[in-house]
Amino acid sequence: MSVAFRRESDDEHLEPKFELPIPPGPNLVTLRGQAQIRARVAELEAVLQGLSDEDAIKATRRDLRYWRNRQATMQLMEDSDGARVAFGSTVTFRLNGTERTVTVVGHDEADPAAGFLSFSAPLSRALMGAEPGDTLDFANTIDAIEVLSVRVLEI
């Protein structure tokens, strides 16, 4: 029979559901990030128990696979010494005249609006290894960043 005469199911036209993308590189976490990942896994496991809708179950299982993977691969980083910017450091700096404070954290605990930047973010990479008083180039601007203080992340 010709393909033109066969009936296609409605499912053939639906958008495919993909797994949540895993960020490239190591899964570095602070103690705060480790607690967040564990809490997210526990939350999703509890939610899954109460679901009956098949689509909701599929979506929750997909999220749970992501978070279980992140839990299995997390690498807890030791606290920085606070002398220079490192993973887990909270740094106050002046960028083009505006004072800001950010904390360098893992991908899953990053929340730029709250001041938590992923260690792979361009600004975090520019700050790594800097000490108070250092000036750094950023975004094609010479001496765009002045590091004011560095301290260890407080949980």
Protein backbone atom coordinates (compact mmCIF):
# COMPACT_ATOMS: atom_id res chain seq x y z
CA MET A 1 0.00 0.00 0.00
CA SER A 2 1.26 3.46 -0.81
CA VAL A 3 2.44 5.66 2.03
CA ALA A 4 -0.05 8.29 0.88
CA PHE A 5 -2.94 6.06 1.89
CA ARG A 6 -1.81 4.88 5.30
CA ARG A 7 -3.20 6.47 8.38
CA GLU A 8 -0.62 8.14 10.60
CA SER A 9 -1.13 8.15 14.33
CA ASP A 10 -1.45 11.42 16.17
CA ASP A 11 1.70 10.59 18.14
CA GLU A 12 3.88 10.93 15.04
CA HIS A 13 3.31 14.69 15.02
CA LEU A 14 4.17 15.36 18.65
CA GLU A 15 7.40 17.08 19.64
CA PRO A 16 9.91 14.57 21.03
CA LYS A 17 10.69 14.79 24.74
CA PHE A 18 14.43 14.92 25.33
CA GLU A 19 16.44 14.39 28.48
CA LEU A 20 17.53 17.47 30.38
CA PRO A 21 21.01 18.52 29.20
CA ILE A 22 23.91 17.81 31.54
CA PRO A 23 26.36 20.74 31.73
CA PRO A 24 29.79 19.88 30.31
CA GLY A 25 32.74 19.40 32.61
CA PRO A 26 32.98 18.23 36.19
CA ASN A 27 30.02 18.50 38.59
CA LEU A 28 31.72 20.59 41.27
CA VAL A 29 29.61 21.51 44.30
CA THR A 30 29.90 23.40 47.56
CA LEU A 31 28.32 22.04 50.75
CA ARG A 32 25.35 24.28 49.94
CA GLY A 33 25.08 22.80 46.43
CA GLN A 34 25.38 19.24 47.74
CA ALA A 35 22.47 19.88 50.13
CA GLN A 36 20.39 21.45 47.34
CA ILE A 37 20.89 18.47 45.01
CA ARG A 38 20.02 15.95 47.73
CA ALA A 39 16.92 17.96 48.67
CA ARG A 40 15.81 18.14 45.03
CA VAL A 41 16.13 14.35 44.62
CA ALA A 42 14.11 13.74 47.81
CA GLU A 43 11.47 16.27 46.73
CA LEU A 44 11.02 14.69 43.29
CA GLU A 45 10.85 11.17 44.76
CA ALA A 46 8.08 12.34 47.10
CA VAL A 47 6.19 14.10 44.29
CA LEU A 48 6.42 11.02 42.07
CA GLN A 49 4.65 8.89 44.67
CA GLY A 50 1.54 11.09 44.53
CA LEU A 51 1.19 11.40 40.75
CA SER A 52 -1.37 9.59 38.62
CA ASP A 53 -1.26 11.58 35.36
CA GLU A 54 0.99 9.73 32.87
CA ASP A 55 2.49 12.91 31.37
CA ALA A 56 3.29 14.30 34.82
CA ILE A 57 4.88 10.98 35.82
CA LYS A 58 7.06 11.00 32.68
CA ALA A 59 8.15 14.61 33.24
CA THR A 60 8.94 13.99 36.91
CA ARG A 61 10.89 10.82 36.11
CA ARG A 62 12.91 12.77 33.53
CA ASP A 63 13.70 15.45 36.12
CA LEU A 64 14.55 12.78 38.68
CA ARG A 65 16.97 11.09 36.25
CA TYR A 66 18.76 14.42 35.81
CA TRP A 67 19.04 15.12 39.55
CA ARG A 68 20.05 11.54 40.42
CA ASN A 69 22.80 11.81 37.81
CA ARG A 70 23.94 15.11 39.31
CA GLN A 71 23.90 13.54 42.78
CA ALA A 72 25.93 10.54 41.62
CA THR A 73 28.55 12.69 39.88
CA MET A 74 28.92 15.58 42.32
CA GLN A 75 32.41 16.38 43.53
CA LEU A 76 32.45 18.24 46.83
CA MET A 77 35.13 20.92 46.73
CA GLU A 78 37.11 21.91 49.78
CA ASP A 79 36.63 25.41 51.13
CA SER A 80 38.96 28.00 49.67
CA ASP A 81 41.37 29.70 52.04
CA GLY A 82 39.86 33.12 51.33
CA ALA A 83 43.19 34.60 50.25
CA ARG A 84 42.38 34.48 46.55
CA VAL A 85 39.30 33.84 44.42
CA ALA A 86 38.58 30.12 44.04
CA PHE A 87 35.58 27.81 43.80
CA GLY A 88 33.31 28.60 46.76
CA SER A 89 34.72 32.11 47.27
CA THR A 90 32.56 35.16 47.78
CA VAL A 91 34.23 38.10 46.10
CA THR A 92 33.42 41.79 46.20
CA PHE A 93 34.73 43.75 43.25
CA ARG A 94 34.23 46.92 41.28
CA LEU A 95 33.34 46.34 37.62
CA ASN A 96 33.49 49.49 35.51
CA GLY A 97 32.85 51.60 38.61
CA THR A 98 29.94 49.52 40.01
CA GLU A 99 30.52 47.49 43.16
CA ARG A 100 29.18 43.91 43.12
CA THR A 101 29.46 40.77 45.21
CA VAL A 102 29.23 37.25 43.76
CA THR A 103 29.93 33.73 44.96
CA VAL A 104 31.57 31.19 42.64
CA VAL A 105 29.58 27.93 42.77
CA GLY A 106 28.64 24.85 40.72
CA HIS A 107 26.32 24.79 37.72
CA ASP A 108 23.24 23.55 39.56
CA GLU A 109 23.42 26.06 42.40
CA ALA A 110 24.10 29.04 40.16
CA ASP A 111 21.57 31.86 40.46
CA PRO A 112 23.05 35.03 38.94
CA ALA A 113 20.18 37.24 40.16
CA ALA A 114 21.01 36.19 43.74
CA GLY A 115 24.77 36.61 43.24
CA PHE A 116 25.70 32.94 42.71
CA LEU A 117 27.72 32.48 39.51
CA SER A 118 28.73 29.18 37.94
CA PHE A 119 32.48 28.58 37.98
CA SER A 120 32.34 28.35 34.18
CA ALA A 121 30.75 31.80 33.70
CA PRO A 122 33.06 34.30 31.96
CA LEU A 123 33.09 36.64 34.97
CA SER A 124 33.95 33.78 37.35
CA ARG A 125 36.75 32.62 35.08
CA ALA A 126 38.14 36.17 34.95
CA LEU A 127 38.11 36.42 38.76
CA MET A 128 39.72 33.03 39.51
CA GLY A 129 43.04 33.33 41.30
CA ALA A 130 42.73 37.08 41.94
CA GLU A 131 43.56 38.63 45.31
CA PRO A 132 42.23 41.80 46.95
CA GLY A 133 43.79 44.81 45.25
CA ASP A 134 44.23 43.08 41.88
CA THR A 135 42.92 44.71 38.72
CA LEU A 136 41.78 42.46 35.91
CA ASP A 137 40.93 42.80 32.26
CA PHE A 138 37.39 41.75 31.31
CA ALA A 139 35.25 41.95 28.17
CA ASN A 140 38.02 43.54 26.13
CA THR A 141 38.46 46.30 28.71
CA ILE A 142 41.79 46.80 30.44
CA ASP A 143 41.56 47.00 34.25
CA ALA A 144 37.76 46.63 34.13
CA ILE A 145 37.66 44.74 37.45
CA GLU A 146 39.15 45.78 40.78
CA VAL A 147 38.99 43.02 43.43
CA LEU A 148 38.05 44.55 46.78
CA SER A 149 37.69 41.51 49.08
CA VAL A 150 37.60 37.72 49.04
CA ARG A 151 36.04 35.48 51.69
CA VAL A 152 34.91 31.89 52.09
CA LEU A 153 31.29 31.05 51.26
CA GLU A 154 29.18 31.01 54.40
CA ILE A 155 26.42 28.42 54.50
